[in-house]
Amino acid sequence: TGKGLLAEAIHEASPRRAGPFVVLDCGAIPPTLIES
């Protein structure tokens, strides 16, 4: 539905737009590595 696209658009329109936008996909990271 475009949740990631909206999240990035919110960041780009925010006062934090000059900072990084870091995506962490909790479903794609192996459970043993997610804390790291």
PDB file of all heavy atoms in Angstrom:
ATOM      1  N   THR A   1       0.807  -1.222   0.000  1.00  0.00           N
ATOM      2  CA  THR A   1       0.000   0.000   0.000  1.00  0.00           C
ATOM      3  C   THR A   1       0.842   1.274   0.000  1.00  0.00           C
ATOM      4  O   THR A   1       0.296   2.366  -0.170  1.00  0.00           O
ATOM      5  CB  THR A   1      -0.956   0.034   1.214  1.00  0.00           C
ATOM      6  OG1 THR A   1      -0.222  -0.268   2.405  1.00  0.00           O
ATOM      7  CG2 THR A   1      -2.066  -0.989   1.052  1.00  0.00           C
ATOM      8  N   GLY A   2       2.149   1.162   0.200  1.00  0.00           N
ATOM      9  CA  GLY A   2       3.005   2.339   0.139  1.00  0.00           C
ATOM     10  C   GLY A   2       3.380   2.913   1.488  1.00  0.00           C
ATOM     11  O   GLY A   2       3.657   4.115   1.598  1.00  0.00           O
ATOM     12  N   LYS A   3       3.437   2.078   2.514  1.00  0.00           N
ATOM     13  CA  LYS A   3       3.778   2.581   3.851  1.00  0.00           C
ATOM     14  C   LYS A   3       5.204   3.127   3.893  1.00  0.00           C
ATOM     15  O   LYS A   3       5.468   4.168   4.507  1.00  0.00           O
ATOM     16  CB  LYS A   3       3.615   1.452   4.884  1.00  0.00           C
ATOM     17  CG  LYS A   3       2.200   0.888   4.965  1.00  0.00           C
ATOM     18  CD  LYS A   3       2.053  -0.154   6.046  1.00  0.00           C
ATOM     19  CE  LYS A   3       2.842  -1.424   5.787  1.00  0.00           C
ATOM     20  NZ  LYS A   3       2.358  -2.172   4.599  1.00  0.00           N
ATOM     21  N   GLY A   4       6.129   2.433   3.245  1.00  0.00           N
ATOM     22  CA  GLY A   4       7.508   2.904   3.221  1.00  0.00           C
ATOM     23  C   GLY A   4       7.654   4.224   2.490  1.00  0.00           C
ATOM     24  O   GLY A   4       8.418   5.108   2.901  1.00  0.00           O
ATOM     25  N   LEU A   5       6.924   4.368   1.393  1.00  0.00           N
ATOM     26  CA  LEU A   5       6.970   5.614   0.627  1.00  0.00           C
ATOM     27  C   LEU A   5       6.443   6.782   1.459  1.00  0.00           C
ATOM     28  O   LEU A   5       7.014   7.880   1.461  1.00  0.00           O
ATOM     29  CB  LEU A   5       6.154   5.436  -0.650  1.00  0.00           C
ATOM     30  CG  LEU A   5       6.152   6.580  -1.669  1.00  0.00           C
ATOM     31  CD1 LEU A   5       6.086   5.999  -3.081  1.00  0.00           C
ATOM     32  CD2 LEU A   5       4.960   7.508  -1.447  1.00  0.00           C
ATOM     33  N   LEU A   6       5.345   6.554   2.206  1.00  0.00           N
ATOM     34  CA  LEU A   6       4.806   7.610   3.061  1.00  0.00           C
ATOM     35  C   LEU A   6       5.756   7.946   4.201  1.00  0.00           C
ATOM     36  O   LEU A   6       5.912   9.109   4.563  1.00  0.00           O
ATOM     37  CB  LEU A   6       3.446   7.192   3.614  1.00  0.00           C
ATOM     38  CG  LEU A   6       2.230   7.461   2.739  1.00  0.00           C
ATOM     39  CD1 LEU A   6       0.971   6.984   3.428  1.00  0.00           C
ATOM     40  CD2 LEU A   6       2.112   8.938   2.403  1.00  0.00           C
ATOM     41  N   ALA A   7       6.387   6.908   4.768  1.00  0.00           N
ATOM     42  CA  ALA A   7       7.341   7.163   5.852  1.00  0.00           C
ATOM     43  C   ALA A   7       8.477   8.051   5.370  1.00  0.00           C
ATOM     44  O   ALA A   7       8.886   8.998   6.058  1.00  0.00           O
ATOM     45  CB  ALA A   7       7.887   5.837   6.382  1.00  0.00           C
ATOM     46  N   GLU A   8       8.996   7.762   4.184  1.00  0.00           N
ATOM     47  CA  GLU A   8      10.083   8.578   3.643  1.00  0.00           C
ATOM     48  C   GLU A   8       9.605   9.994   3.337  1.00  0.00           C
ATOM     49  O   GLU A   8      10.328  10.975   3.566  1.00  0.00           O
ATOM     50  CB  GLU A   8      10.644   7.917   2.391  1.00  0.00           C
ATOM     51  CG  GLU A   8      11.896   8.576   1.870  1.00  0.00           C
ATOM     52  CD  GLU A   8      12.564   7.790   0.763  1.00  0.00           C
ATOM     53  OE1 GLU A   8      12.020   6.738   0.352  1.00  0.00           O
ATOM     54  OE2 GLU A   8      13.643   8.220   0.309  1.00  0.00           O
ATOM     55  N   ALA A   9       8.364  10.114   2.843  1.00  0.00           N
ATOM     56  CA  ALA A   9       7.826  11.442   2.547  1.00  0.00           C
ATOM     57  C   ALA A   9       7.652  12.262   3.826  1.00  0.00           C
ATOM     58  O   ALA A   9       7.897  13.473   3.834  1.00  0.00           O
ATOM     59  CB  ALA A   9       6.485  11.305   1.815  1.00  0.00           C
ATOM     60  N   ILE A  10       7.241  11.615   4.914  1.00  0.00           N
ATOM     61  CA  ILE A  10       7.118  12.309   6.202  1.00  0.00           C
ATOM     62  C   ILE A  10       8.480  12.817   6.644  1.00  0.00           C
ATOM     63  O   ILE A  10       8.624  13.954   7.100  1.00  0.00           O
ATOM     64  CB  ILE A  10       6.504  11.374   7.259  1.00  0.00           C
ATOM     65  CG1 ILE A  10       5.035  11.089   6.930  1.00  0.00           C
ATOM     66  CG2 ILE A  10       6.626  11.975   8.658  1.00  0.00           C
ATOM     67  CD1 ILE A  10       4.414   9.983   7.760  1.00  0.00           C
ATOM     68  N   HIS A  11       9.504  11.969   6.515  1.00  0.00           N
ATOM     69  CA  HIS A  11      10.866  12.387   6.881  1.00  0.00           C
ATOM     70  C   HIS A  11      11.313  13.581   6.035  1.00  0.00           C
ATOM     71  O   HIS A  11      11.874  14.550   6.565  1.00  0.00           O
ATOM     72  CB  HIS A  11      11.829  11.223   6.696  1.00  0.00           C
ATOM     73  CG  HIS A  11      13.272  11.614   6.788  1.00  0.00           C
ATOM     74  ND1 HIS A  11      13.894  11.917   7.987  1.00  0.00           N
ATOM     75  CD2 HIS A  11      14.223  11.788   5.817  1.00  0.00           C
ATOM     76  CE1 HIS A  11      15.151  12.256   7.761  1.00  0.00           C
ATOM     77  NE2 HIS A  11      15.379  12.174   6.459  1.00  0.00           N
ATOM     78  N   GLU A  12      11.072  13.507   4.726  1.00  0.00           N
ATOM     79  CA  GLU A  12      11.534  14.574   3.825  1.00  0.00           C
ATOM     80  C   GLU A  12      10.838  15.900   4.083  1.00  0.00           C
ATOM     81  O   GLU A  12      11.368  16.954   3.761  1.00  0.00           O
ATOM     82  CB  GLU A  12      11.314  14.148   2.367  1.00  0.00           C
ATOM     83  CG  GLU A  12      12.212  13.010   1.912  1.00  0.00           C
ATOM     84  CD  GLU A  12      13.691  13.390   1.918  1.00  0.00           C
ATOM     85  OE1 GLU A  12      13.998  14.586   1.755  1.00  0.00           O
ATOM     86  OE2 GLU A  12      14.533  12.501   2.127  1.00  0.00           O
ATOM     87  N   ALA A  13       9.643  15.846   4.675  1.00  0.00           N
ATOM     88  CA  ALA A  13       8.911  17.082   4.968  1.00  0.00           C
ATOM     89  C   ALA A  13       9.109  17.540   6.406  1.00  0.00           C
ATOM     90  O   ALA A  13       8.529  18.544   6.814  1.00  0.00           O
ATOM     91  CB  ALA A  13       7.419  16.871   4.701  1.00  0.00           C
ATOM     92  N   SER A  14       9.932  16.841   7.166  1.00  0.00           N
ATOM     93  CA  SER A  14      10.097  17.130   8.589  1.00  0.00           C
ATOM     94  C   SER A  14      11.320  18.010   8.842  1.00  0.00           C
ATOM     95  O   SER A  14      12.179  18.167   7.970  1.00  0.00           O
ATOM     96  CB  SER A  14      10.261  15.820   9.358  1.00  0.00           C
ATOM     97  OG  SER A  14      11.565  15.291   9.176  1.00  0.00           O
ATOM     98  N   PRO A  15      11.433  18.572  10.054  1.00  0.00           N
ATOM     99  CA  PRO A  15      12.639  19.323  10.397  1.00  0.00           C
ATOM    100  C   PRO A  15      13.898  18.462  10.395  1.00  0.00           C
ATOM    101  O   PRO A  15      15.008  18.996  10.437  1.00  0.00           O
ATOM    102  CB  PRO A  15      12.324  19.842  11.810  1.00  0.00           C
ATOM    103  CG  PRO A  15      10.835  19.842  11.912  1.00  0.00           C
ATOM    104  CD  PRO A  15      10.393  18.674  11.103  1.00  0.00           C
ATOM    105  N   ARG A  16      13.751  17.136  10.362  1.00  0.00           N
ATOM    106  CA  ARG A  16      14.902  16.224  10.341  1.00  0.00           C
ATOM    107  C   ARG A  16      15.333  15.843   8.930  1.00  0.00           C
ATOM    108  O   ARG A  16      16.116  14.911   8.744  1.00  0.00           O
ATOM    109  CB  ARG A  16      14.553  14.953  11.126  1.00  0.00           C
ATOM    110  CG  ARG A  16      14.321  15.186  12.606  1.00  0.00           C
ATOM    111  CD  ARG A  16      13.976  13.874  13.315  1.00  0.00           C
ATOM    112  NE  ARG A  16      13.818  14.063  14.743  1.00  0.00           N
ATOM    113  CZ  ARG A  16      14.812  14.025  15.617  1.00  0.00           C
ATOM    114  NH1 ARG A  16      16.043  13.791  15.201  1.00  0.00           N
ATOM    115  NH2 ARG A  16      14.590  14.215  16.909  1.00  0.00           N
ATOM    116  N   ARG A  17      14.817  16.538   7.930  1.00  0.00           N
ATOM    117  CA  ARG A  17      15.066  16.133   6.545  1.00  0.00           C
ATOM    118  C   ARG A  17      16.558  16.107   6.203  1.00  0.00           C
ATOM    119  O   ARG A  17      16.975  15.361   5.314  1.00  0.00           O
ATOM    120  CB  ARG A  17      14.330  17.058   5.587  1.00  0.00           C
ATOM    121  CG  ARG A  17      14.804  18.513   5.587  1.00  0.00           C
ATOM    122  CD  ARG A  17      14.031  19.365   4.580  1.00  0.00           C
ATOM    123  NE  ARG A  17      12.657  19.514   4.952  1.00  0.00           N
ATOM    124  CZ  ARG A  17      12.186  20.466   5.747  1.00  0.00           C
ATOM    125  NH1 ARG A  17      13.032  21.349   6.285  1.00  0.00           N
ATOM    126  NH2 ARG A  17      10.915  20.544   6.034  1.00  0.00           N
ATOM    127  N   ALA A  18      17.374  16.926   6.887  1.00  0.00           N
ATOM    128  CA  ALA A  18      18.812  16.940   6.601  1.00  0.00           C
ATOM    129  C   ALA A  18      19.528  15.739   7.206  1.00  0.00           C
ATOM    130  O   ALA A  18      20.667  15.431   6.856  1.00  0.00           O
ATOM    131  CB  ALA A  18      19.440  18.234   7.109  1.00  0.00           C
ATOM    132  N   GLY A  19      18.858  15.041   8.125  1.00  0.00           N
ATOM    133  CA  GLY A  19      19.454  13.871   8.760  1.00  0.00           C
ATOM    134  C   GLY A  19      19.163  12.614   7.963  1.00  0.00           C
ATOM    135  O   GLY A  19      18.404  12.616   6.991  1.00  0.00           O
ATOM    136  N   PRO A  20      19.739  11.494   8.390  1.00  0.00           N
ATOM    137  CA  PRO A  20      19.554  10.240   7.653  1.00  0.00           C
ATOM    138  C   PRO A  20      18.163   9.647   7.847  1.00  0.00           C
ATOM    139  O   PRO A  20      17.497   9.902   8.854  1.00  0.00           O
ATOM    140  CB  PRO A  20      20.626   9.314   8.242  1.00  0.00           C
ATOM    141  CG  PRO A  20      20.955   9.897   9.568  1.00  0.00           C
ATOM    142  CD  PRO A  20      20.701  11.369   9.489  1.00  0.00           C
ATOM    143  N   PHE A  21      17.736   8.872   6.862  1.00  0.00           N
ATOM    144  CA  PHE A  21      16.505   8.082   6.933  1.00  0.00           C
ATOM    145  C   PHE A  21      16.937   6.630   6.883  1.00  0.00           C
ATOM    146  O   PHE A  21      17.362   6.125   5.843  1.00  0.00           O
ATOM    147  CB  PHE A  21      15.579   8.426   5.759  1.00  0.00           C
ATOM    148  CG  PHE A  21      14.290   7.627   5.739  1.00  0.00           C
ATOM    149  CD1 PHE A  21      13.273   7.899   6.633  1.00  0.00           C
ATOM    150  CD2 PHE A  21      14.113   6.606   4.809  1.00  0.00           C
ATOM    151  CE1 PHE A  21      12.090   7.174   6.613  1.00  0.00           C
ATOM    152  CE2 PHE A  21      12.931   5.878   4.775  1.00  0.00           C
ATOM    153  CZ  PHE A  21      11.919   6.163   5.674  1.00  0.00           C
ATOM    154  N   VAL A  22      16.879   5.946   8.020  1.00  0.00           N
ATOM    155  CA  VAL A  22      17.409   4.584   8.142  1.00  0.00           C
ATOM    156  C   VAL A  22      16.250   3.604   8.214  1.00  0.00           C
ATOM    157  O   VAL A  22      15.379   3.723   9.078  1.00  0.00           O
ATOM    158  CB  VAL A  22      18.305   4.446   9.387  1.00  0.00           C
ATOM    159  CG1 VAL A  22      18.760   2.992   9.562  1.00  0.00           C
ATOM    160  CG2 VAL A  22      19.508   5.374   9.268  1.00  0.00           C
ATOM    161  N   VAL A  23      16.240   2.646   7.291  1.00  0.00           N
ATOM    162  CA  VAL A  23      15.188   1.631   7.234  1.00  0.00           C
ATOM    163  C   VAL A  23      15.684   0.351   7.893  1.00  0.00           C
ATOM    164  O   VAL A  23      16.743  -0.174   7.530  1.00  0.00           O
ATOM    165  CB  VAL A  23      14.776   1.340   5.776  1.00  0.00           C
ATOM    166  CG1 VAL A  23      13.685   0.268   5.741  1.00  0.00           C
ATOM    167  CG2 VAL A  23      14.303   2.609   5.090  1.00  0.00           C
ATOM    168  N   LEU A  24      14.938  -0.150   8.851  1.00  0.00           N
ATOM    169  CA  LEU A  24      15.234  -1.423   9.507  1.00  0.00           C
ATOM    170  C   LEU A  24      14.026  -2.335   9.321  1.00  0.00           C
ATOM    171  O   LEU A  24      12.962  -2.099   9.905  1.00  0.00           O
ATOM    172  CB  LEU A  24      15.518  -1.211  10.997  1.00  0.00           C
ATOM    173  CG  LEU A  24      16.767  -0.373  11.318  1.00  0.00           C
ATOM    174  CD1 LEU A  24      16.800  -0.002  12.796  1.00  0.00           C
ATOM    175  CD2 LEU A  24      18.029  -1.128  10.939  1.00  0.00           C
ATOM    176  N   ASP A  25      14.168  -3.333   8.466  1.00  0.00           N
ATOM    177  CA  ASP A  25      13.075  -4.254   8.151  1.00  0.00           C
ATOM    178  C   ASP A  25      13.095  -5.401   9.157  1.00  0.00           C
ATOM    179  O   ASP A  25      13.911  -6.315   9.059  1.00  0.00           O
ATOM    180  CB  ASP A  25      13.221  -4.786   6.725  1.00  0.00           C
ATOM    181  CG  ASP A  25      12.015  -5.594   6.276  1.00  0.00           C
ATOM    182  OD1 ASP A  25      11.256  -6.066   7.147  1.00  0.00           O
ATOM    183  OD2 ASP A  25      11.820  -5.762   5.062  1.00  0.00           O
ATOM    184  N   CYS A  26      12.189  -5.351  10.122  1.00  0.00           N
ATOM    185  CA  CYS A  26      12.179  -6.344  11.204  1.00  0.00           C
ATOM    186  C   CYS A  26      11.828  -7.739  10.708  1.00  0.00           C
ATOM    187  O   CYS A  26      12.110  -8.727  11.385  1.00  0.00           O
ATOM    188  CB  CYS A  26      11.189  -5.925  12.286  1.00  0.00           C
ATOM    189  SG  CYS A  26      11.575  -4.316  13.029  1.00  0.00           S
ATOM    190  N   GLY A  27      11.221  -7.838   9.532  1.00  0.00           N
ATOM    191  CA  GLY A  27      10.879  -9.137   8.994  1.00  0.00           C
ATOM    192  C   GLY A  27      11.978  -9.776   8.185  1.00  0.00           C
ATOM    193  O   GLY A  27      11.946 -10.977   7.934  1.00  0.00           O
ATOM    194  N   ALA A  28      12.957  -8.980   7.751  1.00  0.00           N
ATOM    195  CA  ALA A  28      14.011  -9.503   6.890  1.00  0.00           C
ATOM    196  C   ALA A  28      15.307  -9.795   7.641  1.00  0.00           C
ATOM    197  O   ALA A  28      16.189 -10.466   7.107  1.00  0.00           O
ATOM    198  CB  ALA A  28      14.293  -8.509   5.752  1.00  0.00           C
ATOM    199  N   ILE A  29      15.433  -9.288   8.865  1.00  0.00           N
ATOM    200  CA  ILE A  29      16.661  -9.488   9.638  1.00  0.00           C
ATOM    201  C   ILE A  29      16.561 -10.801  10.412  1.00  0.00           C
ATOM    202  O   ILE A  29      15.574 -11.028  11.115  1.00  0.00           O
ATOM    203  CB  ILE A  29      16.878  -8.320  10.625  1.00  0.00           C
ATOM    204  CG1 ILE A  29      16.882  -6.977   9.888  1.00  0.00           C
ATOM    205  CG2 ILE A  29      18.180  -8.510  11.395  1.00  0.00           C
ATOM    206  CD1 ILE A  29      16.859  -5.770  10.820  1.00  0.00           C
ATOM    207  N   PRO A  30      17.553 -11.676  10.316  1.00  0.00           N
ATOM    208  CA  PRO A  30      17.511 -12.919  11.100  1.00  0.00           C
ATOM    209  C   PRO A  30      17.390 -12.621  12.590  1.00  0.00           C
ATOM    210  O   PRO A  30      18.009 -11.673  13.095  1.00  0.00           O
ATOM    211  CB  PRO A  30      18.868 -13.575  10.786  1.00  0.00           C
ATOM    212  CG  PRO A  30      19.273 -12.993   9.472  1.00  0.00           C
ATOM    213  CD  PRO A  30      18.746 -11.591   9.462  1.00  0.00           C
ATOM    214  N   PRO A  31      16.595 -13.401  13.314  1.00  0.00           N
ATOM    215  CA  PRO A  31      16.377 -13.127  14.749  1.00  0.00           C
ATOM    216  C   PRO A  31      17.667 -13.037  15.556  1.00  0.00           C
ATOM    217  O   PRO A  31      17.757 -12.256  16.506  1.00  0.00           O
ATOM    218  CB  PRO A  31      15.516 -14.312  15.204  1.00  0.00           C
ATOM    219  CG  PRO A  31      14.809 -14.758  13.960  1.00  0.00           C
ATOM    220  CD  PRO A  31      15.775 -14.526  12.840  1.00  0.00           C
ATOM    221  N   THR A  32      18.688 -13.809  15.168  1.00  0.00           N
ATOM    222  CA  THR A  32      19.943 -13.798  15.925  1.00  0.00           C
ATOM    223  C   THR A  32      20.736 -12.516  15.725  1.00  0.00           C
ATOM    224  O   THR A  32      21.644 -12.224  16.499  1.00  0.00           O
ATOM    225  CB  THR A  32      20.815 -14.995  15.522  1.00  0.00           C
ATOM    226  OG1 THR A  32      20.999 -14.985  14.094  1.00  0.00           O
ATOM    227  CG2 THR A  32      20.163 -16.306  15.936  1.00  0.00           C
ATOM    228  N   LEU A  33      20.394 -11.752  14.686  1.00  0.00           N
ATOM    229  CA  LEU A  33      21.160 -10.542  14.381  1.00  0.00           C
ATOM    230  C   LEU A  33      20.382  -9.256  14.629  1.00  0.00           C
ATOM    231  O   LEU A  33      20.942  -8.169  14.486  1.00  0.00           O
ATOM    232  CB  LEU A  33      21.625 -10.568  12.916  1.00  0.00           C
ATOM    233  CG  LEU A  33      22.590 -11.686  12.515  1.00  0.00           C
ATOM    234  CD1 LEU A  33      22.910 -11.589  11.025  1.00  0.00           C
ATOM    235  CD2 LEU A  33      23.871 -11.603  13.336  1.00  0.00           C
ATOM    236  N   ILE A  34      19.118  -9.373  14.995  1.00  0.00           N
ATOM    237  CA  ILE A  34      18.293  -8.172  15.012  1.00  0.00           C
ATOM    238  C   ILE A  34      18.733  -7.177  16.078  1.00  0.00           C
ATOM    239  O   ILE A  34      18.705  -5.960  15.863  1.00  0.00           O
ATOM    240  CB  ILE A  34      16.800  -8.537  15.159  1.00  0.00           C
ATOM    241  CG1 ILE A  34      15.943  -7.327  14.781  1.00  0.00           C
ATOM    242  CG2 ILE A  34      16.475  -9.037  16.556  1.00  0.00           C
ATOM    243  CD1 ILE A  34      14.529  -7.665  14.429  1.00  0.00           C
ATOM    244  N   GLU A  35      19.181  -7.651  17.246  1.00  0.00           N
ATOM    245  CA  GLU A  35      19.632  -6.720  18.270  1.00  0.00           C
ATOM    246  C   GLU A  35      20.858  -5.948  17.796  1.00  0.00           C
ATOM    247  O   GLU A  35      20.967  -4.737  18.012  1.00  0.00           O
ATOM    248  CB  GLU A  35      19.943  -7.459  19.570  1.00  0.00           C
ATOM    249  CG  GLU A  35      20.290  -6.514  20.719  1.00  0.00           C
ATOM    250  CD  GLU A  35      20.416  -7.216  22.049  1.00  0.00           C
ATOM    251  OE1 GLU A  35      20.293  -8.457  22.100  1.00  0.00           O
ATOM    252  OE2 GLU A  35      20.642  -6.518  23.058  1.00  0.00           O
ATOM    253  N   SER A  36      21.768  -6.633  17.117  1.00  0.00           N
ATOM    254  CA  SER A  36      22.950  -5.972  16.578  1.00  0.00           C
ATOM    255  C   SER A  36      22.573  -4.973  15.490  1.00  0.00           C
ATOM    256  O   SER A  36      23.143  -3.882  15.408  1.00  0.00           O
ATOM    257  CB  SER A  36      23.927  -7.014  16.024  1.00  0.00           C
ATOM    258  OG  SER A  36      24.983  -6.393  15.326  1.00  0.00           O
TER     259      SER A  36
END
